[in-house]
Amino acid sequence: MIDHDPSDMDLRRLEGNEAVDLILEVLVEAGRPLTTREVQAETEKRLVRCPDSTVVFLNRLRIKGLIKGERSRERKGWIWWVEG
């Protein structure tokens, strides 16, 4: 019997535009800033994961200007959102 890491749960890794579209969808549907953990939980509910670690991928989208992000002392980590 093969022992699987339960945190990996055979999640499908998204690539390219599919990953970008999913993150934008998650943030728009939330209607409020989400923490990195919350974004990761939402992607896992859909049985997928980001191409890189969630925080690295979100930061790349922030640098490209596709999403907004900043450190939040109140929420003890990064929060992410879409403007508009």
PDB file of N, CA and C in Angstrom:
ATOM      1  N   MET A   1       0.835  -1.175   0.000  1.00  0.00           N
ATOM      2  CA  MET A   1       0.000   0.000   0.000  1.00  0.00           C
ATOM      3  C   MET A   1       0.888   1.248   0.000  1.00  0.00           C
ATOM      4  N   ILE A   2       0.538   2.192  -0.863  1.00  0.00           N
ATOM      5  CA  ILE A   2       1.310   3.431  -0.958  1.00  0.00           C
ATOM      6  C   ILE A   2       0.746   4.436   0.033  1.00  0.00           C
ATOM      7  N   ASP A   3       1.641   5.040   0.797  1.00  0.00           N
ATOM      8  CA  ASP A   3       1.234   6.010   1.807  1.00  0.00           C
ATOM      9  C   ASP A   3       1.231   7.394   1.174  1.00  0.00           C
ATOM     10  N   HIS A   4       0.072   8.076   1.147  1.00  0.00           N
ATOM     11  CA  HIS A   4      -0.047   9.412   0.575  1.00  0.00           C
ATOM     12  C   HIS A   4      -0.070  10.461   1.661  1.00  0.00           C
ATOM     13  N   ASP A   5       0.497  11.612   1.350  1.00  0.00           N
ATOM     14  CA  ASP A   5       0.417  12.762   2.239  1.00  0.00           C
ATOM     15  C   ASP A   5      -1.006  13.304   2.130  1.00  0.00           C
ATOM     16  N   PRO A   6      -1.776  13.320   3.225  1.00  0.00           N
ATOM     17  CA  PRO A   6      -3.164  13.785   3.148  1.00  0.00           C
ATOM     18  C   PRO A   6      -3.283  15.244   2.724  1.00  0.00           C
ATOM     19  N   SER A   7      -2.236  16.038   2.924  1.00  0.00           N
ATOM     20  CA  SER A   7      -2.311  17.437   2.527  1.00  0.00           C
ATOM     21  C   SER A   7      -2.228  17.591   1.014  1.00  0.00           C
ATOM     22  N   ASP A   8      -1.743  16.582   0.310  1.00  0.00           N
ATOM     23  CA  ASP A   8      -1.617  16.649  -1.141  1.00  0.00           C
ATOM     24  C   ASP A   8      -2.902  16.185  -1.819  1.00  0.00           C
ATOM     25  N   MET A   9      -3.655  15.296  -1.232  1.00  0.00           N
ATOM     26  CA  MET A   9      -4.948  14.798  -1.679  1.00  0.00           C
ATOM     27  C   MET A   9      -5.088  14.654  -3.196  1.00  0.00           C
ATOM     28  N   ASP A  10      -4.045  14.299  -3.893  1.00  0.00           N
ATOM     29  CA  ASP A  10      -4.107  14.120  -5.338  1.00  0.00           C
ATOM     30  C   ASP A  10      -4.717  15.328  -6.041  1.00  0.00           C
ATOM     31  N   LEU A  11      -4.303  16.507  -5.658  1.00  0.00           N
ATOM     32  CA  LEU A  11      -4.806  17.726  -6.273  1.00  0.00           C
ATOM     33  C   LEU A  11      -4.164  17.913  -7.645  1.00  0.00           C
ATOM     34  N   ARG A  12      -4.968  18.345  -8.598  1.00  0.00           N
ATOM     35  CA  ARG A  12      -4.464  18.602  -9.941  1.00  0.00           C
ATOM     36  C   ARG A  12      -3.779  19.966  -9.949  1.00  0.00           C
ATOM     37  N   ARG A  13      -2.574  20.007 -10.492  1.00  0.00           N
ATOM     38  CA  ARG A  13      -1.818  21.260 -10.555  1.00  0.00           C
ATOM     39  C   ARG A  13      -2.256  22.053 -11.783  1.00  0.00           C
ATOM     40  N   LEU A  14      -2.697  23.280 -11.541  1.00  0.00           N
ATOM     41  CA  LEU A  14      -3.116  24.151 -12.637  1.00  0.00           C
ATOM     42  C   LEU A  14      -1.904  24.780 -13.291  1.00  0.00           C
ATOM     43  N   GLU A  15      -2.044  25.107 -14.562  1.00  0.00           N
ATOM     44  CA  GLU A  15      -0.964  25.745 -15.307  1.00  0.00           C
ATOM     45  C   GLU A  15      -1.485  26.987 -16.021  1.00  0.00           C
ATOM     46  N   GLY A  16      -0.594  27.941 -16.247  1.00  0.00           N
ATOM     47  CA  GLY A  16      -0.869  29.099 -17.094  1.00  0.00           C
ATOM     48  C   GLY A  16      -2.154  29.850 -16.798  1.00  0.00           C
ATOM     49  N   ASN A  17      -2.892  30.144 -17.885  1.00  0.00           N
ATOM     50  CA  ASN A  17      -4.108  30.955 -17.770  1.00  0.00           C
ATOM     51  C   ASN A  17      -5.178  30.305 -16.907  1.00  0.00           C
ATOM     52  N   GLU A  18      -5.219  28.988 -16.889  1.00  0.00           N
ATOM     53  CA  GLU A  18      -6.209  28.280 -16.068  1.00  0.00           C
ATOM     54  C   GLU A  18      -5.999  28.628 -14.586  1.00  0.00           C
ATOM     55  N   ALA A  19      -4.753  28.683 -14.165  1.00  0.00           N
ATOM     56  CA  ALA A  19      -4.437  29.020 -12.772  1.00  0.00           C
ATOM     57  C   ALA A  19      -4.784  30.475 -12.481  1.00  0.00           C
ATOM     58  N   VAL A  20      -4.433  31.370 -13.395  1.00  0.00           N
ATOM     59  CA  VAL A  20      -4.735  32.799 -13.220  1.00  0.00           C
ATOM     60  C   VAL A  20      -6.242  32.996 -13.126  1.00  0.00           C
ATOM     61  N   ASP A  21      -6.982  32.390 -14.059  1.00  0.00           N
ATOM     62  CA  ASP A  21      -8.442  32.537 -14.084  1.00  0.00           C
ATOM     63  C   ASP A  21      -9.070  32.032 -12.786  1.00  0.00           C
ATOM     64  N   LEU A  22      -8.576  30.921 -12.268  1.00  0.00           N
ATOM     65  CA  LEU A  22      -9.139  30.376 -11.036  1.00  0.00           C
ATOM     66  C   LEU A  22      -8.910  31.320  -9.857  1.00  0.00           C
ATOM     67  N   ILE A  23      -7.713  31.853  -9.724  1.00  0.00           N
ATOM     68  CA  ILE A  23      -7.410  32.771  -8.618  1.00  0.00           C
ATOM     69  C   ILE A  23      -8.285  34.015  -8.715  1.00  0.00           C
ATOM     70  N   LEU A  24      -8.428  34.563  -9.919  1.00  0.00           N
ATOM     71  CA  LEU A  24      -9.283  35.737 -10.097  1.00  0.00           C
ATOM     72  C   LEU A  24     -10.726  35.411  -9.725  1.00  0.00           C
ATOM     73  N   GLU A  25     -11.199  34.239 -10.133  1.00  0.00           N
ATOM     74  CA  GLU A  25     -12.561  33.803  -9.809  1.00  0.00           C
ATOM     75  C   GLU A  25     -12.754  33.688  -8.298  1.00  0.00           C
ATOM     76  N   VAL A  26     -11.802  33.069  -7.621  1.00  0.00           N
ATOM     77  CA  VAL A  26     -11.887  32.899  -6.165  1.00  0.00           C
ATOM     78  C   VAL A  26     -11.959  34.256  -5.470  1.00  0.00           C
ATOM     79  N   LEU A  27     -11.110  35.192  -5.889  1.00  0.00           N
ATOM     80  CA  LEU A  27     -11.071  36.501  -5.240  1.00  0.00           C
ATOM     81  C   LEU A  27     -12.322  37.326  -5.544  1.00  0.00           C
ATOM     82  N   VAL A  28     -12.812  37.266  -6.773  1.00  0.00           N
ATOM     83  CA  VAL A  28     -14.020  38.009  -7.133  1.00  0.00           C
ATOM     84  C   VAL A  28     -15.223  37.437  -6.386  1.00  0.00           C
ATOM     85  N   GLU A  29     -15.344  36.109  -6.358  1.00  0.00           N
ATOM     86  CA  GLU A  29     -16.473  35.473  -5.663  1.00  0.00           C
ATOM     87  C   GLU A  29     -16.474  35.802  -4.167  1.00  0.00           C
ATOM     88  N   ALA A  30     -15.293  35.924  -3.585  1.00  0.00           N
ATOM     89  CA  ALA A  30     -15.203  36.217  -2.150  1.00  0.00           C
ATOM     90  C   ALA A  30     -15.749  37.614  -1.842  1.00  0.00           C
ATOM     91  N   GLY A  31     -15.509  38.550  -2.746  1.00  0.00           N
ATOM     92  CA  GLY A  31     -16.004  39.911  -2.534  1.00  0.00           C
ATOM     93  C   GLY A  31     -15.327  40.651  -1.405  1.00  0.00           C
ATOM     94  N   ARG A  32     -14.233  40.115  -0.910  1.00  0.00           N
ATOM     95  CA  ARG A  32     -13.469  40.734   0.179  1.00  0.00           C
ATOM     96  C   ARG A  32     -12.048  40.203   0.094  1.00  0.00           C
ATOM     97  N   PRO A  33     -11.099  40.894   0.707  1.00  0.00           N
ATOM     98  CA  PRO A  33      -9.729  40.369   0.706  1.00  0.00           C
ATOM     99  C   PRO A  33      -9.649  39.021   1.425  1.00  0.00           C
ATOM    100  N   LEU A  34      -8.876  38.109   0.863  1.00  0.00           N
ATOM    101  CA  LEU A  34      -8.668  36.790   1.453  1.00  0.00           C
ATOM    102  C   LEU A  34      -7.213  36.633   1.857  1.00  0.00           C
ATOM    103  N   THR A  35      -6.978  35.888   2.922  1.00  0.00           N
ATOM    104  CA  THR A  35      -5.610  35.565   3.308  1.00  0.00           C
ATOM    105  C   THR A  35      -5.075  34.495   2.363  1.00  0.00           C
ATOM    106  N   THR A  36      -3.769  34.313   2.385  1.00  0.00           N
ATOM    107  CA  THR A  36      -3.156  33.261   1.572  1.00  0.00           C
ATOM    108  C   THR A  36      -3.775  31.914   1.921  1.00  0.00           C
ATOM    109  N   ARG A  37      -3.963  31.644   3.208  1.00  0.00           N
ATOM    110  CA  ARG A  37      -4.556  30.373   3.639  1.00  0.00           C
ATOM    111  C   ARG A  37      -5.965  30.194   3.089  1.00  0.00           C
ATOM    112  N   GLU A  38      -6.742  31.272   3.095  1.00  0.00           N
ATOM    113  CA  GLU A  38      -8.110  31.194   2.571  1.00  0.00           C
ATOM    114  C   GLU A  38      -8.123  30.913   1.067  1.00  0.00           C
ATOM    115  N   VAL A  39      -7.218  31.547   0.325  1.00  0.00           N
ATOM    116  CA  VAL A  39      -7.124  31.290  -1.119  1.00  0.00           C
ATOM    117  C   VAL A  39      -6.746  29.831  -1.346  1.00  0.00           C
ATOM    118  N   GLN A  40      -5.769  29.345  -0.602  1.00  0.00           N
ATOM    119  CA  GLN A  40      -5.347  27.952  -0.740  1.00  0.00           C
ATOM    120  C   GLN A  40      -6.494  26.996  -0.415  1.00  0.00           C
ATOM    121  N   ALA A  41      -7.251  27.284   0.631  1.00  0.00           N
ATOM    122  CA  ALA A  41      -8.384  26.431   1.000  1.00  0.00           C
ATOM    123  C   ALA A  41      -9.425  26.396  -0.119  1.00  0.00           C
ATOM    124  N   GLU A  42      -9.673  27.541  -0.743  1.00  0.00           N
ATOM    125  CA  GLU A  42     -10.647  27.598  -1.839  1.00  0.00           C
ATOM    126  C   GLU A  42     -10.179  26.794  -3.052  1.00  0.00           C
ATOM    127  N   THR A  43      -8.885  26.854  -3.360  1.00  0.00           N
ATOM    128  CA  THR A  43      -8.396  26.070  -4.496  1.00  0.00           C
ATOM    129  C   THR A  43      -8.464  24.578  -4.177  1.00  0.00           C
ATOM    130  N   GLU A  44      -8.162  24.210  -2.936  1.00  0.00           N
ATOM    131  CA  GLU A  44      -8.216  22.797  -2.548  1.00  0.00           C
ATOM    132  C   GLU A  44      -9.643  22.259  -2.577  1.00  0.00           C
ATOM    133  N   LYS A  45     -10.636  23.111  -2.256  1.00  0.00           N
ATOM    134  CA  LYS A  45     -12.036  22.687  -2.355  1.00  0.00           C
ATOM    135  C   LYS A  45     -12.375  22.283  -3.785  1.00  0.00           C
ATOM    136  N   ARG A  46     -11.695  22.912  -4.730  1.00  0.00           N
ATOM    137  CA  ARG A  46     -11.924  22.618  -6.155  1.00  0.00           C
ATOM    138  C   ARG A  46     -10.991  21.515  -6.655  1.00  0.00           C
ATOM    139  N   LEU A  47     -10.268  20.904  -5.724  1.00  0.00           N
ATOM    140  CA  LEU A  47      -9.338  19.792  -6.001  1.00  0.00           C
ATOM    141  C   LEU A  47      -8.234  20.172  -6.977  1.00  0.00           C
ATOM    142  N   VAL A  48      -7.778  21.421  -6.858  1.00  0.00           N
ATOM    143  CA  VAL A  48      -6.658  21.889  -7.674  1.00  0.00           C
ATOM    144  C   VAL A  48      -5.683  22.645  -6.779  1.00  0.00           C
ATOM    145  N   ARG A  49      -4.497  22.905  -7.327  1.00  0.00           N
ATOM    146  CA  ARG A  49      -3.526  23.717  -6.611  1.00  0.00           C
ATOM    147  C   ARG A  49      -2.770  24.603  -7.589  1.00  0.00           C
ATOM    148  N   CYS A  50      -2.152  25.642  -7.068  1.00  0.00           N
ATOM    149  CA  CYS A  50      -1.410  26.588  -7.888  1.00  0.00           C
ATOM    150  C   CYS A  50      -0.150  25.929  -8.444  1.00  0.00           C
ATOM    151  N   PRO A  51       0.388  26.496  -9.553  1.00  0.00           N
ATOM    152  CA  PRO A  51       1.612  25.935 -10.139  1.00  0.00           C
ATOM    153  C   PRO A  51       2.803  25.950  -9.178  1.00  0.00           C
ATOM    154  N   ASP A  52       2.909  26.992  -8.357  1.00  0.00           N
ATOM    155  CA  ASP A  52       3.968  27.124  -7.359  1.00  0.00           C
ATOM    156  C   ASP A  52       3.298  27.076  -5.992  1.00  0.00           C
ATOM    157  N   SER A  53       4.044  27.377  -4.953  1.00  0.00           N
ATOM    158  CA  SER A  53       3.373  27.526  -3.672  1.00  0.00           C
ATOM    159  C   SER A  53       2.373  28.667  -3.830  1.00  0.00           C
ATOM    160  N   THR A  54       1.297  28.626  -3.083  1.00  0.00           N
ATOM    161  CA  THR A  54       0.222  29.608  -3.242  1.00  0.00           C
ATOM    162  C   THR A  54       0.732  31.030  -3.091  1.00  0.00           C
ATOM    163  N   VAL A  55       1.531  31.288  -2.062  1.00  0.00           N
ATOM    164  CA  VAL A  55       2.000  32.662  -1.823  1.00  0.00           C
ATOM    165  C   VAL A  55       2.911  33.137  -2.956  1.00  0.00           C
ATOM    166  N   VAL A  56       3.750  32.279  -3.496  1.00  0.00           N
ATOM    167  CA  VAL A  56       4.626  32.652  -4.610  1.00  0.00           C
ATOM    168  C   VAL A  56       3.791  32.998  -5.843  1.00  0.00           C
ATOM    169  N   PHE A  57       2.791  32.165  -6.139  1.00  0.00           N
ATOM    170  CA  PHE A  57       1.945  32.404  -7.304  1.00  0.00           C
ATOM    171  C   PHE A  57       1.146  33.693  -7.142  1.00  0.00           C
ATOM    172  N   LEU A  58       0.560  33.903  -5.959  1.00  0.00           N
ATOM    173  CA  LEU A  58      -0.197  35.131  -5.714  1.00  0.00           C
ATOM    174  C   LEU A  58       0.697  36.358  -5.843  1.00  0.00           C
ATOM    175  N   ASN A  59       1.911  36.279  -5.345  1.00  0.00           N
ATOM    176  CA  ASN A  59       2.832  37.410  -5.444  1.00  0.00           C
ATOM    177  C   ASN A  59       3.190  37.696  -6.895  1.00  0.00           C
ATOM    178  N   ARG A  60       3.359  36.660  -7.707  1.00  0.00           N
ATOM    179  CA  ARG A  60       3.636  36.877  -9.139  1.00  0.00           C
ATOM    180  C   ARG A  60       2.472  37.605  -9.809  1.00  0.00           C
ATOM    181  N   LEU A  61       1.243  37.225  -9.452  1.00  0.00           N
ATOM    182  CA  LEU A  61       0.070  37.904 -10.017  1.00  0.00           C
ATOM    183  C   LEU A  61       0.009  39.356  -9.545  1.00  0.00           C
ATOM    184  N   ARG A  62       0.418  39.603  -8.303  1.00  0.00           N
ATOM    185  CA  ARG A  62       0.459  40.975  -7.772  1.00  0.00           C
ATOM    186  C   ARG A  62       1.470  41.814  -8.532  1.00  0.00           C
ATOM    187  N   ILE A  63       2.646  41.268  -8.751  1.00  0.00           N
ATOM    188  CA  ILE A  63       3.704  41.988  -9.470  1.00  0.00           C
ATOM    189  C   ILE A  63       3.262  42.307 -10.901  1.00  0.00           C
ATOM    190  N   LYS A  64       2.509  41.399 -11.520  1.00  0.00           N
ATOM    191  CA  LYS A  64       1.997  41.624 -12.883  1.00  0.00           C
ATOM    192  C   LYS A  64       0.826  42.604 -12.905  1.00  0.00           C
ATOM    193  N   GLY A  65       0.314  42.983 -11.727  1.00  0.00           N
ATOM    194  CA  GLY A  65      -0.790  43.929 -11.646  1.00  0.00           C
ATOM    195  C   GLY A  65      -2.169  43.306 -11.814  1.00  0.00           C
ATOM    196  N   LEU A  66      -2.251  41.978 -11.764  1.00  0.00           N
ATOM    197  CA  LEU A  66      -3.532  41.299 -11.950  1.00  0.00           C
ATOM    198  C   LEU A  66      -4.371  41.270 -10.678  1.00  0.00           C
ATOM    199  N   ILE A  67      -3.706  41.267  -9.528  1.00  0.00           N
ATOM    200  CA  ILE A  67      -4.400  41.299  -8.239  1.00  0.00           C
ATOM    201  C   ILE A  67      -3.658  42.270  -7.328  1.00  0.00           C
ATOM    202  N   LYS A  68      -4.290  42.616  -6.231  1.00  0.00           N
ATOM    203  CA  LYS A  68      -3.664  43.461  -5.211  1.00  0.00           C
ATOM    204  C   LYS A  68      -3.322  42.593  -4.008  1.00  0.00           C
ATOM    205  N   GLY A  69      -2.294  42.982  -3.280  1.00  0.00           N
ATOM    206  CA  GLY A  69      -1.912  42.249  -2.089  1.00  0.00           C
ATOM    207  C   GLY A  69      -1.088  43.109  -1.157  1.00  0.00           C
ATOM    208  N   GLU A  70      -1.242  42.848   0.125  1.00  0.00           N
ATOM    209  CA  GLU A  70      -0.431  43.560   1.115  1.00  0.00           C
ATOM    210  C   GLU A  70      -0.404  42.771   2.410  1.00  0.00           C
ATOM    211  N   ARG A  71       0.596  43.082   3.241  1.00  0.00           N
ATOM    212  CA  ARG A  71       0.688  42.448   4.564  1.00  0.00           C
ATOM    213  C   ARG A  71      -0.389  43.042   5.461  1.00  0.00           C
ATOM    214  N   SER A  72      -1.016  42.182   6.245  1.00  0.00           N
ATOM    215  CA  SER A  72      -2.043  42.624   7.182  1.00  0.00           C
ATOM    216  C   SER A  72      -1.646  42.187   8.585  1.00  0.00           C
ATOM    217  N   ARG A  73      -1.427  43.158   9.458  1.00  0.00           N
ATOM    218  CA  ARG A  73      -1.102  42.815  10.845  1.00  0.00           C
ATOM    219  C   ARG A  73      -2.299  42.167  11.531  1.00  0.00           C
ATOM    220  N   GLU A  74      -3.500  42.700  11.241  1.00  0.00           N
ATOM    221  CA  GLU A  74      -4.710  42.180  11.878  1.00  0.00           C
ATOM    222  C   GLU A  74      -4.928  40.702  11.527  1.00  0.00           C
ATOM    223  N   ARG A  75      -4.663  40.348  10.265  1.00  0.00           N
ATOM    224  CA  ARG A  75      -4.930  38.975   9.819  1.00  0.00           C
ATOM    225  C   ARG A  75      -3.654  38.127   9.806  1.00  0.00           C
ATOM    226  N   LYS A  76      -2.569  38.717  10.288  1.00  0.00           N
ATOM    227  CA  LYS A  76      -1.294  38.009  10.492  1.00  0.00           C
ATOM    228  C   LYS A  76      -0.770  37.305   9.244  1.00  0.00           C
ATOM    229  N   GLY A  77      -0.714  38.054   8.165  1.00  0.00           N
ATOM    230  CA  GLY A  77      -0.173  37.508   6.917  1.00  0.00           C
ATOM    231  C   GLY A  77      -0.593  38.381   5.746  1.00  0.00           C
ATOM    232  N   TRP A  78      -0.379  37.850   4.546  1.00  0.00           N
ATOM    233  CA  TRP A  78      -0.763  38.568   3.340  1.00  0.00           C
ATOM    234  C   TRP A  78      -2.239  38.418   3.084  1.00  0.00           C
ATOM    235  N   ILE A  79      -2.848  39.503   2.570  1.00  0.00           N
ATOM    236  CA  ILE A  79      -4.217  39.438   2.075  1.00  0.00           C
ATOM    237  C   ILE A  79      -4.211  39.824   0.599  1.00  0.00           C
ATOM    238  N   TRP A  80      -5.158  39.287  -0.130  1.00  0.00           N
ATOM    239  CA  TRP A  80      -5.205  39.424  -1.598  1.00  0.00           C
ATOM    240  C   TRP A  80      -6.614  39.781  -2.036  1.00  0.00           C
ATOM    241  N   TRP A  81      -6.726  40.628  -3.072  1.00  0.00           N
ATOM    242  CA  TRP A  81      -8.031  40.999  -3.586  1.00  0.00           C
ATOM    243  C   TRP A  81      -7.901  41.489  -5.031  1.00  0.00           C
ATOM    244  N   VAL A  82      -9.059  41.639  -5.670  1.00  0.00           N
ATOM    245  CA  VAL A  82      -9.150  42.167  -7.032  1.00  0.00           C
ATOM    246  C   VAL A  82      -9.893  43.484  -6.944  1.00  0.00           C
ATOM    247  N   GLU A  83      -9.369  44.505  -7.588  1.00  0.00           N
ATOM    248  CA  GLU A  83     -10.070  45.793  -7.594  1.00  0.00           C
ATOM    249  C   GLU A  83     -11.067  45.832  -8.727  1.00  0.00           C
ATOM    250  N   GLY A  84     -12.161  46.587  -8.486  1.00  0.00           N
ATOM    251  CA  GLY A  84     -13.111  46.797  -9.576  1.00  0.00           C
ATOM    252  C   GLY A  84     -14.372  46.062  -9.473  1.00  0.00           C
TER     253      GLY A  84
END
